[in-house]
Amino acid sequence: KNQVSGDDLYRYIIEHYYYGAPEYKQRLMSQSELVSNSNNNFINDNQVNSVDAYVNTAKTYDYYKNKLSRNSIDNKGMNVNGFVHVDKNLGNAFWYGPYDSMFFGDGDGVRFSALAKSLDVVGHELSHGVTNKQSNLNYANESGALNESFSDIMGTAVEGKNFVLGEDCWIAGGVMRDMENPSRGNQPAHMKDYVYMSEDNGGVHKNSGIINHAAYLIAD
């Protein structure tokens, strides 16, 4: 799906969250533009981001299917929805469980370029959907860090080329996250260094480095 404005997205999510009305998801879907091209040459920026999201979602879907024998996100063959161009300056991507959908910003031009072009980012977000369907992990503190780490691990597994996260869309210098050396991404590598904090749902993105590093040691 293409051309979802940030204002519309956030309005629909807030309305759905507070009022529990499922029709807001359908309205958001119907407002979005399905990308197509009669000559199969997807060359402008709007189309390129959409194709990146499609290709990387397909690669992630196939990894779960072929390597793990999983039938889509819920293991029951559910459709996979992805929205790109979510707020033109959004340096973020996320899974939103009530809509069973992934959302990818175009990047803020400071830390991120378009996030959908990064296979491990797409794999990360789709894996949040798997966690959402498969477990009852509360998205806060230690269980939230486990949730984030699972997505990092699976995004890395799908990409397969290294243990660095988001290198294809990270433009701020250094790395976003590094499973081999979490300190490069300002993360702890050991439980003794667990960071207690109120921000970031109790440090879910910060402390995911602990399990990320354990996964690296197992894989290496």
N, C-alpha and C. Protein backbone atom coordinates (compact mmCIF):
# COMPACT_ATOMS: atom_id res chain seq x y z
N LYS A 1 0.84 -1.19 0.00
CA LYS A 1 0.00 0.00 0.00
C LYS A 1 0.88 1.25 0.00
N ASN A 2 0.33 2.34 -0.54
CA ASN A 2 1.16 3.50 -0.81
C ASN A 2 0.44 4.78 -0.40
N GLN A 3 1.23 5.80 -0.09
CA GLN A 3 0.72 7.15 0.12
C GLN A 3 -0.24 7.26 1.30
N VAL A 4 0.18 6.80 2.44
CA VAL A 4 -0.59 6.99 3.67
C VAL A 4 0.00 8.18 4.41
N SER A 5 -0.80 9.20 4.67
CA SER A 5 -0.26 10.35 5.38
C SER A 5 -0.13 10.03 6.86
N GLY A 6 0.86 10.65 7.49
CA GLY A 6 1.05 10.41 8.91
C GLY A 6 -0.15 10.85 9.72
N ASP A 7 -0.75 11.99 9.36
CA ASP A 7 -1.91 12.47 10.12
C ASP A 7 -3.06 11.48 10.06
N ASP A 8 -3.32 10.96 8.87
CA ASP A 8 -4.41 9.99 8.73
C ASP A 8 -4.10 8.72 9.50
N LEU A 9 -2.87 8.25 9.38
CA LEU A 9 -2.50 7.02 10.08
C LEU A 9 -2.69 7.17 11.58
N TYR A 10 -2.14 8.23 12.13
CA TYR A 10 -2.22 8.40 13.58
C TYR A 10 -3.66 8.62 14.02
N ARG A 11 -4.45 9.33 13.22
CA ARG A 11 -5.85 9.54 13.58
C ARG A 11 -6.59 8.21 13.62
N TYR A 12 -6.39 7.39 12.59
CA TYR A 12 -7.08 6.11 12.55
C TYR A 12 -6.63 5.20 13.68
N ILE A 13 -5.34 5.19 13.96
CA ILE A 13 -4.84 4.35 15.05
C ILE A 13 -5.41 4.82 16.38
N ILE A 14 -5.40 6.12 16.61
CA ILE A 14 -5.93 6.63 17.87
C ILE A 14 -7.43 6.34 17.99
N GLU A 15 -8.16 6.55 16.89
CA GLU A 15 -9.60 6.27 16.94
C GLU A 15 -9.85 4.79 17.20
N HIS A 16 -9.07 3.94 16.54
CA HIS A 16 -9.24 2.50 16.75
C HIS A 16 -8.89 2.13 18.18
N TYR A 17 -7.81 2.70 18.69
CA TYR A 17 -7.33 2.34 20.03
C TYR A 17 -8.34 2.75 21.10
N TYR A 18 -8.86 3.96 20.97
CA TYR A 18 -9.73 4.46 22.03
C TYR A 18 -11.18 4.01 21.87
N TYR A 19 -11.61 3.82 20.63
CA TYR A 19 -13.02 3.52 20.42
C TYR A 19 -13.25 2.08 19.95
N GLY A 20 -12.17 1.37 19.60
CA GLY A 20 -12.30 -0.04 19.26
C GLY A 20 -13.11 -0.32 18.02
N ALA A 21 -13.12 0.61 17.08
CA ALA A 21 -13.95 0.44 15.89
C ALA A 21 -13.13 -0.16 14.76
N PRO A 22 -13.40 -1.40 14.34
CA PRO A 22 -12.58 -2.05 13.31
C PRO A 22 -12.69 -1.39 11.95
N GLU A 23 -13.77 -0.61 11.72
CA GLU A 23 -13.92 -0.01 10.39
C GLU A 23 -12.82 0.99 10.09
N TYR A 24 -12.10 1.48 11.10
CA TYR A 24 -11.02 2.42 10.84
C TYR A 24 -9.89 1.76 10.08
N LYS A 25 -9.65 0.48 10.32
CA LYS A 25 -8.63 -0.22 9.54
C LYS A 25 -9.05 -0.28 8.08
N GLN A 26 -10.31 -0.61 7.82
CA GLN A 26 -10.79 -0.69 6.44
C GLN A 26 -10.72 0.68 5.76
N ARG A 27 -11.03 1.73 6.51
CA ARG A 27 -10.95 3.07 5.93
C ARG A 27 -9.52 3.43 5.58
N LEU A 28 -8.59 3.07 6.44
CA LEU A 28 -7.18 3.34 6.16
C LEU A 28 -6.73 2.57 4.94
N MET A 29 -7.14 1.30 4.84
CA MET A 29 -6.76 0.48 3.69
C MET A 29 -7.34 1.07 2.41
N SER A 30 -8.61 1.47 2.45
CA SER A 30 -9.25 1.96 1.24
C SER A 30 -8.69 3.30 0.80
N GLN A 31 -8.18 4.09 1.75
CA GLN A 31 -7.60 5.39 1.41
C GLN A 31 -6.24 5.23 0.75
N SER A 32 -5.58 4.12 1.00
CA SER A 32 -4.24 3.91 0.46
C SER A 32 -4.31 3.52 -1.01
N GLU A 33 -3.23 3.78 -1.68
CA GLU A 33 -3.14 3.52 -3.12
C GLU A 33 -2.32 2.27 -3.35
N LEU A 34 -2.89 1.30 -4.04
CA LEU A 34 -2.16 0.10 -4.40
C LEU A 34 -1.25 0.42 -5.58
N VAL A 35 0.04 0.19 -5.42
CA VAL A 35 1.00 0.56 -6.44
C VAL A 35 0.94 -0.42 -7.61
N SER A 36 0.89 0.12 -8.81
CA SER A 36 0.89 -0.72 -10.01
C SER A 36 1.59 0.03 -11.13
N ASN A 37 1.97 -0.70 -12.17
CA ASN A 37 2.66 -0.10 -13.30
C ASN A 37 2.45 -0.99 -14.51
N SER A 38 2.02 -0.41 -15.61
CA SER A 38 1.68 -1.20 -16.79
C SER A 38 2.90 -1.76 -17.51
N ASN A 39 4.08 -1.14 -17.31
CA ASN A 39 5.27 -1.61 -18.04
C ASN A 39 6.30 -2.31 -17.15
N ASN A 40 5.97 -2.47 -15.88
CA ASN A 40 6.84 -3.21 -14.95
C ASN A 40 8.15 -2.49 -14.66
N ASN A 41 8.21 -1.19 -14.96
CA ASN A 41 9.39 -0.39 -14.63
C ASN A 41 9.05 0.54 -13.47
N PHE A 42 9.40 0.13 -12.28
CA PHE A 42 9.08 0.91 -11.08
C PHE A 42 10.31 1.77 -10.76
N ILE A 43 10.31 3.01 -11.25
CA ILE A 43 11.55 3.78 -11.20
C ILE A 43 11.46 5.05 -10.36
N ASN A 44 10.27 5.60 -10.13
CA ASN A 44 10.24 6.81 -9.31
C ASN A 44 10.26 6.46 -7.83
N ASP A 45 10.53 7.45 -6.99
CA ASP A 45 10.73 7.19 -5.56
C ASP A 45 9.51 6.56 -4.91
N ASN A 46 8.32 7.02 -5.27
CA ASN A 46 7.11 6.44 -4.68
C ASN A 46 7.02 4.96 -4.97
N GLN A 47 7.31 4.58 -6.20
CA GLN A 47 7.21 3.18 -6.59
C GLN A 47 8.36 2.36 -6.02
N VAL A 48 9.56 2.92 -6.01
CA VAL A 48 10.73 2.17 -5.54
C VAL A 48 10.55 1.73 -4.09
N ASN A 49 10.09 2.63 -3.23
CA ASN A 49 9.88 2.26 -1.84
C ASN A 49 8.83 1.18 -1.69
N SER A 50 7.81 1.25 -2.52
CA SER A 50 6.76 0.24 -2.47
C SER A 50 7.29 -1.12 -2.91
N VAL A 51 8.08 -1.13 -3.97
CA VAL A 51 8.65 -2.38 -4.45
C VAL A 51 9.64 -2.94 -3.43
N ASP A 52 10.43 -2.08 -2.82
CA ASP A 52 11.35 -2.54 -1.76
C ASP A 52 10.57 -3.24 -0.65
N ALA A 53 9.49 -2.62 -0.21
CA ALA A 53 8.68 -3.21 0.86
C ALA A 53 8.12 -4.55 0.42
N TYR A 54 7.64 -4.61 -0.81
CA TYR A 54 7.05 -5.86 -1.32
C TYR A 54 8.10 -6.97 -1.39
N VAL A 55 9.24 -6.66 -1.99
CA VAL A 55 10.28 -7.68 -2.18
C VAL A 55 10.82 -8.15 -0.84
N ASN A 56 11.09 -7.23 0.07
CA ASN A 56 11.65 -7.62 1.36
C ASN A 56 10.64 -8.33 2.24
N THR A 57 9.37 -7.98 2.10
CA THR A 57 8.33 -8.73 2.81
C THR A 57 8.23 -10.14 2.26
N ALA A 58 8.29 -10.28 0.94
CA ALA A 58 8.23 -11.61 0.33
C ALA A 58 9.41 -12.47 0.77
N LYS A 59 10.60 -11.88 0.82
CA LYS A 59 11.77 -12.64 1.26
C LYS A 59 11.62 -13.10 2.71
N THR A 60 11.06 -12.23 3.55
CA THR A 60 10.85 -12.60 4.95
C THR A 60 9.79 -13.68 5.07
N TYR A 61 8.71 -13.51 4.35
CA TYR A 61 7.63 -14.51 4.34
C TYR A 61 8.18 -15.87 3.92
N ASP A 62 8.98 -15.87 2.85
CA ASP A 62 9.54 -17.13 2.34
C ASP A 62 10.51 -17.75 3.33
N TYR A 63 11.26 -16.93 4.06
CA TYR A 63 12.17 -17.48 5.07
C TYR A 63 11.38 -18.23 6.13
N TYR A 64 10.34 -17.61 6.63
CA TYR A 64 9.52 -18.29 7.64
C TYR A 64 8.88 -19.56 7.07
N LYS A 65 8.45 -19.49 5.83
CA LYS A 65 7.80 -20.65 5.22
C LYS A 65 8.79 -21.77 4.94
N ASN A 66 9.92 -21.46 4.32
CA ASN A 66 10.85 -22.49 3.86
C ASN A 66 11.79 -22.99 4.94
N LYS A 67 12.18 -22.12 5.85
CA LYS A 67 13.12 -22.51 6.90
C LYS A 67 12.43 -22.99 8.17
N LEU A 68 11.27 -22.41 8.47
CA LEU A 68 10.61 -22.68 9.74
C LEU A 68 9.23 -23.31 9.58
N SER A 69 8.84 -23.56 8.33
CA SER A 69 7.54 -24.19 8.03
C SER A 69 6.38 -23.41 8.66
N ARG A 70 6.49 -22.10 8.67
CA ARG A 70 5.43 -21.27 9.23
C ARG A 70 4.58 -20.68 8.11
N ASN A 71 3.28 -20.78 8.26
CA ASN A 71 2.34 -20.32 7.25
C ASN A 71 1.90 -18.89 7.57
N SER A 72 2.69 -17.95 7.12
CA SER A 72 2.46 -16.53 7.32
C SER A 72 2.67 -16.13 8.78
N ILE A 73 2.28 -14.92 9.11
CA ILE A 73 2.57 -14.35 10.42
C ILE A 73 1.90 -15.14 11.54
N ASP A 74 0.65 -15.51 11.33
CA ASP A 74 -0.10 -16.20 12.39
C ASP A 74 -0.06 -17.71 12.27
N ASN A 75 0.69 -18.22 11.29
CA ASN A 75 0.76 -19.66 11.00
C ASN A 75 -0.58 -20.22 10.53
N LYS A 76 -1.46 -19.32 10.10
CA LYS A 76 -2.77 -19.73 9.58
C LYS A 76 -3.02 -19.11 8.20
N GLY A 77 -1.98 -18.57 7.59
CA GLY A 77 -2.11 -18.04 6.24
C GLY A 77 -2.68 -16.64 6.13
N MET A 78 -2.57 -15.84 7.18
CA MET A 78 -3.14 -14.49 7.13
C MET A 78 -2.46 -13.63 6.06
N ASN A 79 -3.21 -12.66 5.54
CA ASN A 79 -2.63 -11.70 4.61
C ASN A 79 -1.59 -10.84 5.33
N VAL A 80 -0.60 -10.38 4.57
CA VAL A 80 0.45 -9.53 5.13
C VAL A 80 0.29 -8.13 4.54
N ASN A 81 0.05 -7.15 5.40
CA ASN A 81 -0.17 -5.78 4.96
C ASN A 81 1.03 -4.91 5.30
N GLY A 82 1.46 -4.10 4.33
CA GLY A 82 2.55 -3.16 4.57
C GLY A 82 2.22 -1.81 3.96
N PHE A 83 2.46 -0.75 4.70
CA PHE A 83 2.22 0.62 4.24
C PHE A 83 3.56 1.36 4.17
N VAL A 84 3.80 2.04 3.06
CA VAL A 84 5.00 2.87 2.93
C VAL A 84 4.59 4.34 2.80
N HIS A 85 5.59 5.23 2.81
CA HIS A 85 5.35 6.68 2.76
C HIS A 85 4.46 7.12 3.93
N VAL A 86 4.71 6.53 5.09
CA VAL A 86 3.96 6.91 6.28
C VAL A 86 4.63 8.14 6.89
N ASP A 87 4.07 9.28 6.63
CA ASP A 87 4.64 10.55 7.07
C ASP A 87 6.00 10.74 6.39
N LYS A 88 6.10 11.72 5.57
CA LYS A 88 7.26 11.88 4.70
C LYS A 88 8.58 12.01 5.46
N ASN A 89 8.55 12.42 6.72
CA ASN A 89 9.79 12.59 7.47
C ASN A 89 9.90 11.64 8.65
N LEU A 90 9.21 10.52 8.57
CA LEU A 90 9.22 9.58 9.69
C LEU A 90 10.46 8.69 9.62
N GLY A 91 11.33 8.83 10.60
CA GLY A 91 12.51 7.96 10.69
C GLY A 91 12.22 6.76 11.56
N ASN A 92 11.24 5.98 11.17
CA ASN A 92 10.84 4.84 12.00
C ASN A 92 10.05 3.86 11.15
N ALA A 93 9.96 2.65 11.65
CA ALA A 93 9.09 1.62 11.09
C ALA A 93 8.50 0.87 12.28
N PHE A 94 7.31 0.34 12.13
CA PHE A 94 6.70 -0.34 13.26
C PHE A 94 5.61 -1.30 12.81
N TRP A 95 5.34 -2.25 13.68
CA TRP A 95 4.21 -3.17 13.55
C TRP A 95 3.10 -2.66 14.46
N TYR A 96 1.87 -2.60 13.93
CA TYR A 96 0.73 -2.20 14.76
C TYR A 96 -0.24 -3.36 14.82
N GLY A 97 -0.29 -4.02 15.99
CA GLY A 97 -1.03 -5.26 16.15
C GLY A 97 -2.51 -5.18 15.85
N PRO A 98 -3.24 -4.16 16.32
CA PRO A 98 -4.67 -4.11 16.04
C PRO A 98 -5.00 -4.06 14.55
N TYR A 99 -4.07 -3.55 13.72
CA TYR A 99 -4.29 -3.52 12.28
C TYR A 99 -3.59 -4.67 11.56
N ASP A 100 -2.85 -5.49 12.30
CA ASP A 100 -2.08 -6.58 11.68
C ASP A 100 -1.29 -6.06 10.48
N SER A 101 -0.58 -4.97 10.67
CA SER A 101 0.09 -4.31 9.54
C SER A 101 1.44 -3.75 9.95
N MET A 102 2.32 -3.65 8.95
CA MET A 102 3.61 -2.98 9.10
C MET A 102 3.54 -1.60 8.47
N PHE A 103 4.26 -0.65 9.06
CA PHE A 103 4.29 0.72 8.57
C PHE A 103 5.74 1.19 8.47
N PHE A 104 6.08 1.80 7.33
CA PHE A 104 7.47 2.20 7.07
C PHE A 104 7.52 3.67 6.67
N GLY A 105 8.32 4.45 7.42
CA GLY A 105 8.53 5.84 7.06
C GLY A 105 9.56 5.98 5.95
N ASP A 106 9.58 7.16 5.35
CA ASP A 106 10.55 7.45 4.29
C ASP A 106 11.90 7.88 4.84
N GLY A 107 12.01 8.00 6.16
CA GLY A 107 13.25 8.46 6.77
C GLY A 107 13.20 9.94 7.07
N ASP A 108 13.98 10.33 8.08
CA ASP A 108 14.01 11.73 8.48
C ASP A 108 15.15 12.51 7.83
N GLY A 109 15.98 11.82 7.04
CA GLY A 109 17.10 12.48 6.38
C GLY A 109 18.27 12.78 7.29
N VAL A 110 18.15 12.44 8.57
CA VAL A 110 19.21 12.69 9.54
C VAL A 110 19.78 11.37 10.05
N ARG A 111 18.92 10.51 10.52
CA ARG A 111 19.35 9.19 10.98
C ARG A 111 19.02 8.11 9.97
N PHE A 112 17.87 8.24 9.32
CA PHE A 112 17.38 7.19 8.44
C PHE A 112 17.04 7.71 7.06
N SER A 113 17.31 6.88 6.04
CA SER A 113 16.67 7.03 4.74
C SER A 113 15.45 6.10 4.76
N ALA A 114 14.86 5.83 3.61
CA ALA A 114 13.64 5.02 3.56
C ALA A 114 13.88 3.65 4.19
N LEU A 115 13.05 3.28 5.16
CA LEU A 115 13.32 2.08 5.94
C LEU A 115 12.93 0.80 5.23
N ALA A 116 11.99 0.87 4.29
CA ALA A 116 11.52 -0.35 3.64
C ALA A 116 12.58 -0.99 2.75
N LYS A 117 13.63 -0.23 2.41
CA LYS A 117 14.66 -0.81 1.55
C LYS A 117 15.61 -1.73 2.30
N SER A 118 15.52 -1.75 3.62
CA SER A 118 16.41 -2.57 4.43
C SER A 118 15.74 -3.90 4.76
N LEU A 119 16.29 -4.99 4.25
CA LEU A 119 15.68 -6.30 4.44
C LEU A 119 15.59 -6.66 5.91
N ASP A 120 16.63 -6.37 6.69
CA ASP A 120 16.56 -6.76 8.10
C ASP A 120 15.55 -5.93 8.88
N VAL A 121 15.29 -4.69 8.44
CA VAL A 121 14.25 -3.89 9.09
C VAL A 121 12.87 -4.46 8.79
N VAL A 122 12.63 -4.82 7.54
CA VAL A 122 11.35 -5.43 7.19
C VAL A 122 11.18 -6.76 7.92
N GLY A 123 12.25 -7.56 7.95
CA GLY A 123 12.19 -8.81 8.69
C GLY A 123 11.93 -8.59 10.16
N HIS A 124 12.51 -7.53 10.71
CA HIS A 124 12.30 -7.17 12.11
C HIS A 124 10.83 -6.87 12.37
N GLU A 125 10.22 -6.04 11.53
CA GLU A 125 8.83 -5.63 11.78
C GLU A 125 7.86 -6.79 11.57
N LEU A 126 8.07 -7.58 10.53
CA LEU A 126 7.19 -8.74 10.34
C LEU A 126 7.31 -9.69 11.52
N SER A 127 8.49 -9.81 12.07
CA SER A 127 8.70 -10.71 13.22
C SER A 127 8.00 -10.19 14.47
N HIS A 128 7.81 -8.89 14.57
CA HIS A 128 6.96 -8.37 15.65
C HIS A 128 5.55 -8.94 15.53
N GLY A 129 5.10 -9.09 14.28
CA GLY A 129 3.79 -9.69 14.07
C GLY A 129 3.75 -11.13 14.53
N VAL A 130 4.82 -11.88 14.25
CA VAL A 130 4.89 -13.27 14.70
C VAL A 130 4.85 -13.33 16.23
N THR A 131 5.63 -12.48 16.87
CA THR A 131 5.61 -12.44 18.34
C THR A 131 4.23 -12.07 18.86
N ASN A 132 3.60 -11.11 18.21
CA ASN A 132 2.26 -10.68 18.61
C ASN A 132 1.26 -11.82 18.54
N LYS A 133 1.38 -12.66 17.52
CA LYS A 133 0.44 -13.76 17.34
C LYS A 133 0.81 -14.99 18.17
N GLN A 134 2.08 -15.13 18.50
CA GLN A 134 2.58 -16.38 19.06
C GLN A 134 2.76 -16.34 20.57
N SER A 135 2.94 -15.16 21.15
CA SER A 135 3.30 -15.10 22.56
C SER A 135 2.51 -14.03 23.28
N ASN A 136 2.66 -14.01 24.58
CA ASN A 136 2.03 -12.99 25.41
C ASN A 136 3.08 -12.07 26.04
N LEU A 137 4.18 -11.85 25.33
CA LEU A 137 5.23 -10.98 25.86
C LEU A 137 4.71 -9.56 26.02
N ASN A 138 4.75 -9.06 27.23
CA ASN A 138 4.37 -7.68 27.49
C ASN A 138 5.45 -6.76 26.92
N TYR A 139 5.04 -5.74 26.17
CA TYR A 139 6.02 -4.89 25.50
C TYR A 139 6.54 -3.82 26.45
N ALA A 140 7.28 -4.28 27.46
CA ALA A 140 7.89 -3.37 28.44
C ALA A 140 8.96 -4.13 29.20
N ASN A 141 10.00 -3.39 29.63
CA ASN A 141 11.02 -3.94 30.51
C ASN A 141 11.68 -5.18 29.90
N GLU A 142 11.92 -6.23 30.69
CA GLU A 142 12.66 -7.39 30.20
C GLU A 142 11.91 -8.12 29.10
N SER A 143 10.61 -8.33 29.27
CA SER A 143 9.86 -9.05 28.24
C SER A 143 9.80 -8.25 26.94
N GLY A 144 9.74 -6.92 27.06
CA GLY A 144 9.77 -6.08 25.87
C GLY A 144 11.11 -6.13 25.17
N ALA A 145 12.19 -6.22 25.95
CA ALA A 145 13.52 -6.36 25.36
C ALA A 145 13.65 -7.70 24.64
N LEU A 146 13.05 -8.75 25.19
CA LEU A 146 13.03 -10.05 24.51
C LEU A 146 12.27 -9.94 23.19
N ASN A 147 11.16 -9.22 23.21
CA ASN A 147 10.38 -9.00 22.00
C ASN A 147 11.22 -8.32 20.93
N GLU A 148 11.89 -7.23 21.31
CA GLU A 148 12.73 -6.51 20.36
C GLU A 148 13.89 -7.37 19.87
N SER A 149 14.48 -8.13 20.77
CA SER A 149 15.61 -8.97 20.39
C SER A 149 15.19 -10.05 19.41
N PHE A 150 14.03 -10.66 19.63
CA PHE A 150 13.56 -11.68 18.69
C PHE A 150 13.44 -11.08 17.29
N SER A 151 12.92 -9.86 17.20
CA SER A 151 12.80 -9.23 15.88
C SER A 151 14.16 -8.94 15.27
N ASP A 152 15.11 -8.49 16.10
CA ASP A 152 16.47 -8.27 15.59
C ASP A 152 17.10 -9.57 15.09
N ILE A 153 16.94 -10.63 15.88
CA ILE A 153 17.52 -11.93 15.51
C ILE A 153 16.93 -12.42 14.21
N MET A 154 15.62 -12.36 14.08
CA MET A 154 14.99 -12.87 12.87
C MET A 154 15.27 -11.98 11.66
N GLY A 155 15.31 -10.67 11.86
CA GLY A 155 15.67 -9.79 10.75
C GLY A 155 17.07 -10.08 10.25
N THR A 156 17.98 -10.35 11.18
CA THR A 156 19.35 -10.70 10.82
C THR A 156 19.40 -12.06 10.12
N ALA A 157 18.62 -13.01 10.60
CA ALA A 157 18.60 -14.34 9.98
C ALA A 157 18.08 -14.27 8.55
N VAL A 158 17.04 -13.48 8.34
CA VAL A 158 16.47 -13.35 7.00
C VAL A 158 17.50 -12.73 6.05
N GLU A 159 18.17 -11.69 6.50
CA GLU A 159 19.17 -11.02 5.65
C GLU A 159 20.41 -11.89 5.45
N GLY A 160 20.91 -12.43 6.54
CA GLY A 160 21.95 -13.45 6.47
C GLY A 160 23.36 -12.99 6.21
N LYS A 161 23.60 -11.69 5.99
CA LYS A 161 24.94 -11.30 5.55
C LYS A 161 25.84 -10.81 6.68
N ASN A 162 25.27 -10.36 7.81
CA ASN A 162 26.09 -9.85 8.91
C ASN A 162 25.25 -9.76 10.17
N PHE A 163 25.82 -9.21 11.22
CA PHE A 163 25.13 -9.09 12.50
C PHE A 163 24.85 -7.62 12.86
N VAL A 164 24.80 -6.78 11.84
CA VAL A 164 24.49 -5.36 12.02
C VAL A 164 23.07 -5.11 11.54
N LEU A 165 22.32 -4.32 12.29
CA LEU A 165 20.92 -4.05 11.97
C LEU A 165 20.76 -2.71 11.26
N GLY A 166 19.98 -2.71 10.17
CA GLY A 166 19.56 -1.48 9.53
C GLY A 166 20.62 -0.72 8.77
N GLU A 167 21.71 -1.40 8.40
CA GLU A 167 22.81 -0.67 7.75
C GLU A 167 22.43 -0.12 6.38
N ASP A 168 21.38 -0.65 5.75
CA ASP A 168 20.98 -0.17 4.43
C ASP A 168 20.13 1.10 4.49
N CYS A 169 19.67 1.47 5.67
CA CYS A 169 18.88 2.70 5.79
C CYS A 169 19.41 3.65 6.85
N TRP A 170 20.43 3.22 7.60
CA TRP A 170 21.00 4.05 8.67
C TRP A 170 22.05 4.98 8.07
N ILE A 171 21.87 6.29 8.21
CA ILE A 171 22.77 7.25 7.57
C ILE A 171 23.45 8.17 8.59
N ALA A 172 23.27 7.90 9.87
CA ALA A 172 23.75 8.82 10.90
C ALA A 172 25.21 8.60 11.28
N GLY A 173 25.86 7.62 10.69
CA GLY A 173 27.22 7.29 11.08
C GLY A 173 27.23 6.24 12.16
N GLY A 174 28.28 5.43 12.19
CA GLY A 174 28.30 4.32 13.14
C GLY A 174 27.28 3.27 12.75
N VAL A 175 26.64 2.67 13.74
CA VAL A 175 25.63 1.64 13.46
C VAL A 175 24.40 1.90 14.32
N MET A 176 23.27 1.37 13.86
CA MET A 176 22.05 1.43 14.66
C MET A 176 22.13 0.39 15.79
N ARG A 177 22.37 -0.87 15.43
CA ARG A 177 22.57 -1.93 16.42
C ARG A 177 23.54 -2.95 15.84
N ASP A 178 24.39 -3.49 16.71
CA ASP A 178 25.40 -4.47 16.31
C ASP A 178 25.34 -5.62 17.30
N MET A 179 24.95 -6.80 16.83
CA MET A 179 24.79 -7.95 17.72
C MET A 179 26.13 -8.48 18.21
N GLU A 180 27.16 -8.35 17.40
CA GLU A 180 28.49 -8.80 17.81
C GLU A 180 29.05 -7.89 18.90
N ASN A 181 28.88 -6.60 18.71
CA ASN A 181 29.42 -5.62 19.65
C ASN A 181 28.33 -4.59 19.97
N PRO A 182 27.39 -4.92 20.86
CA PRO A 182 26.26 -4.03 21.13
C PRO A 182 26.64 -2.62 21.57
N SER A 183 27.82 -2.46 22.16
CA SER A 183 28.22 -1.13 22.61
C SER A 183 28.34 -0.15 21.45
N ARG A 184 28.55 -0.64 20.24
CA ARG A 184 28.61 0.25 19.07
C ARG A 184 27.27 0.95 18.85
N GLY A 185 26.19 0.31 19.26
CA GLY A 185 24.86 0.91 19.17
C GLY A 185 24.35 1.40 20.51
N ASN A 186 25.29 1.61 21.45
CA ASN A 186 24.95 2.12 22.78
C ASN A 186 24.00 1.17 23.52
N GLN A 187 24.28 -0.13 23.43
CA GLN A 187 23.50 -1.15 24.11
C GLN A 187 24.39 -1.97 25.04
N PRO A 188 23.83 -2.54 26.10
CA PRO A 188 24.60 -3.48 26.93
C PRO A 188 24.69 -4.84 26.25
N ALA A 189 25.73 -5.59 26.60
CA ALA A 189 25.92 -6.94 26.05
C ALA A 189 25.71 -8.02 27.10
N HIS A 190 25.61 -7.65 28.37
CA HIS A 190 25.51 -8.63 29.45
C HIS A 190 24.43 -8.18 30.44
N MET A 191 23.80 -9.15 31.08
CA MET A 191 22.72 -8.85 32.01
C MET A 191 23.20 -8.00 33.18
N LYS A 192 24.45 -8.13 33.55
CA LYS A 192 24.98 -7.32 34.65
C LYS A 192 24.97 -5.83 34.31
N ASP A 193 24.86 -5.54 33.02
CA ASP A 193 24.84 -4.14 32.57
C ASP A 193 23.44 -3.68 32.17
N TYR A 194 22.42 -4.47 32.51
CA TYR A 194 21.03 -4.12 32.19
C TYR A 194 20.74 -2.69 32.64
N VAL A 195 20.08 -1.94 31.77
CA VAL A 195 19.80 -0.52 32.04
C VAL A 195 18.35 -0.36 32.47
N TYR A 196 18.16 0.12 33.68
CA TYR A 196 16.81 0.40 34.18
C TYR A 196 16.47 1.84 33.83
N MET A 197 15.37 2.02 33.10
CA MET A 197 15.00 3.35 32.65
C MET A 197 13.49 3.41 32.46
N SER A 198 12.93 4.60 32.53
CA SER A 198 11.49 4.76 32.34
C SER A 198 11.15 4.99 30.87
N GLU A 199 12.09 5.56 30.12
CA GLU A 199 11.84 5.82 28.70
C GLU A 199 11.84 4.50 27.91
N ASP A 200 11.32 4.60 26.68
CA ASP A 200 11.40 3.46 25.76
C ASP A 200 10.77 2.20 26.37
N ASN A 201 9.63 2.38 27.04
CA ASN A 201 8.93 1.24 27.66
C ASN A 201 9.85 0.43 28.56
N GLY A 202 10.68 1.13 29.31
CA GLY A 202 11.60 0.43 30.19
C GLY A 202 12.86 -0.05 29.50
N GLY A 203 13.20 0.61 28.37
CA GLY A 203 14.45 0.28 27.68
C GLY A 203 14.39 -0.93 26.79
N VAL A 204 13.26 -1.13 26.10
CA VAL A 204 13.13 -2.34 25.28
C VAL A 204 14.14 -2.37 24.13
N HIS A 205 14.41 -1.21 23.52
CA HIS A 205 15.39 -1.17 22.45
C HIS A 205 16.83 -1.14 22.98
N LYS A 206 17.01 -0.58 24.15
CA LYS A 206 18.34 -0.55 24.76
C LYS A 206 18.79 -1.95 25.17
N ASN A 207 17.97 -2.64 25.96
CA ASN A 207 18.38 -3.90 26.57
C ASN A 207 18.23 -5.12 25.66
N SER A 208 17.67 -4.92 24.48
CA SER A 208 17.63 -6.03 23.52
C SER A 208 19.04 -6.46 23.12
N GLY A 209 20.02 -5.59 23.32
CA GLY A 209 21.40 -5.94 22.99
C GLY A 209 21.92 -7.14 23.76
N ILE A 210 21.37 -7.40 24.94
CA ILE A 210 21.84 -8.52 25.76
C ILE A 210 21.55 -9.85 25.08
N ILE A 211 20.30 -10.06 24.68
CA ILE A 211 19.94 -11.30 23.99
C ILE A 211 20.49 -11.30 22.57
N ASN A 212 20.56 -10.14 21.94
CA ASN A 212 21.19 -10.07 20.62
C ASN A 212 22.61 -10.62 20.66
N HIS A 213 23.35 -10.22 21.66
CA HIS A 213 24.75 -10.67 21.76
C HIS A 213 24.81 -12.16 22.04
N ALA A 214 23.92 -12.66 22.89
CA ALA A 214 23.87 -14.10 23.15
C ALA A 214 23.58 -14.87 21.86
N ALA A 215 22.67 -14.34 21.04
CA ALA A 215 22.35 -14.99 19.77
C ALA A 215 23.56 -14.98 18.84
N TYR A 216 24.28 -13.86 18.83
CA TYR A 216 25.51 -13.80 18.02
C TYR A 216 26.50 -14.87 18.46
N LEU A 217 26.71 -15.03 19.76
CA LEU A 217 27.67 -16.01 20.26
C LEU A 217 27.25 -17.43 19.90
N ILE A 218 25.96 -17.70 19.94
CA ILE A 218 25.46 -19.03 19.55
C ILE A 218 25.69 -19.26 18.06
N ALA A 219 25.37 -18.25 17.25
CA ALA A 219 25.48 -18.41 15.80
C ALA A 219 26.93 -18.45 15.33
N ASP A 220 27.79 -17.74 16.05
CA ASP A 220 29.19 -17.66 15.64
C ASP A 220 29.91 -18.93 16.05
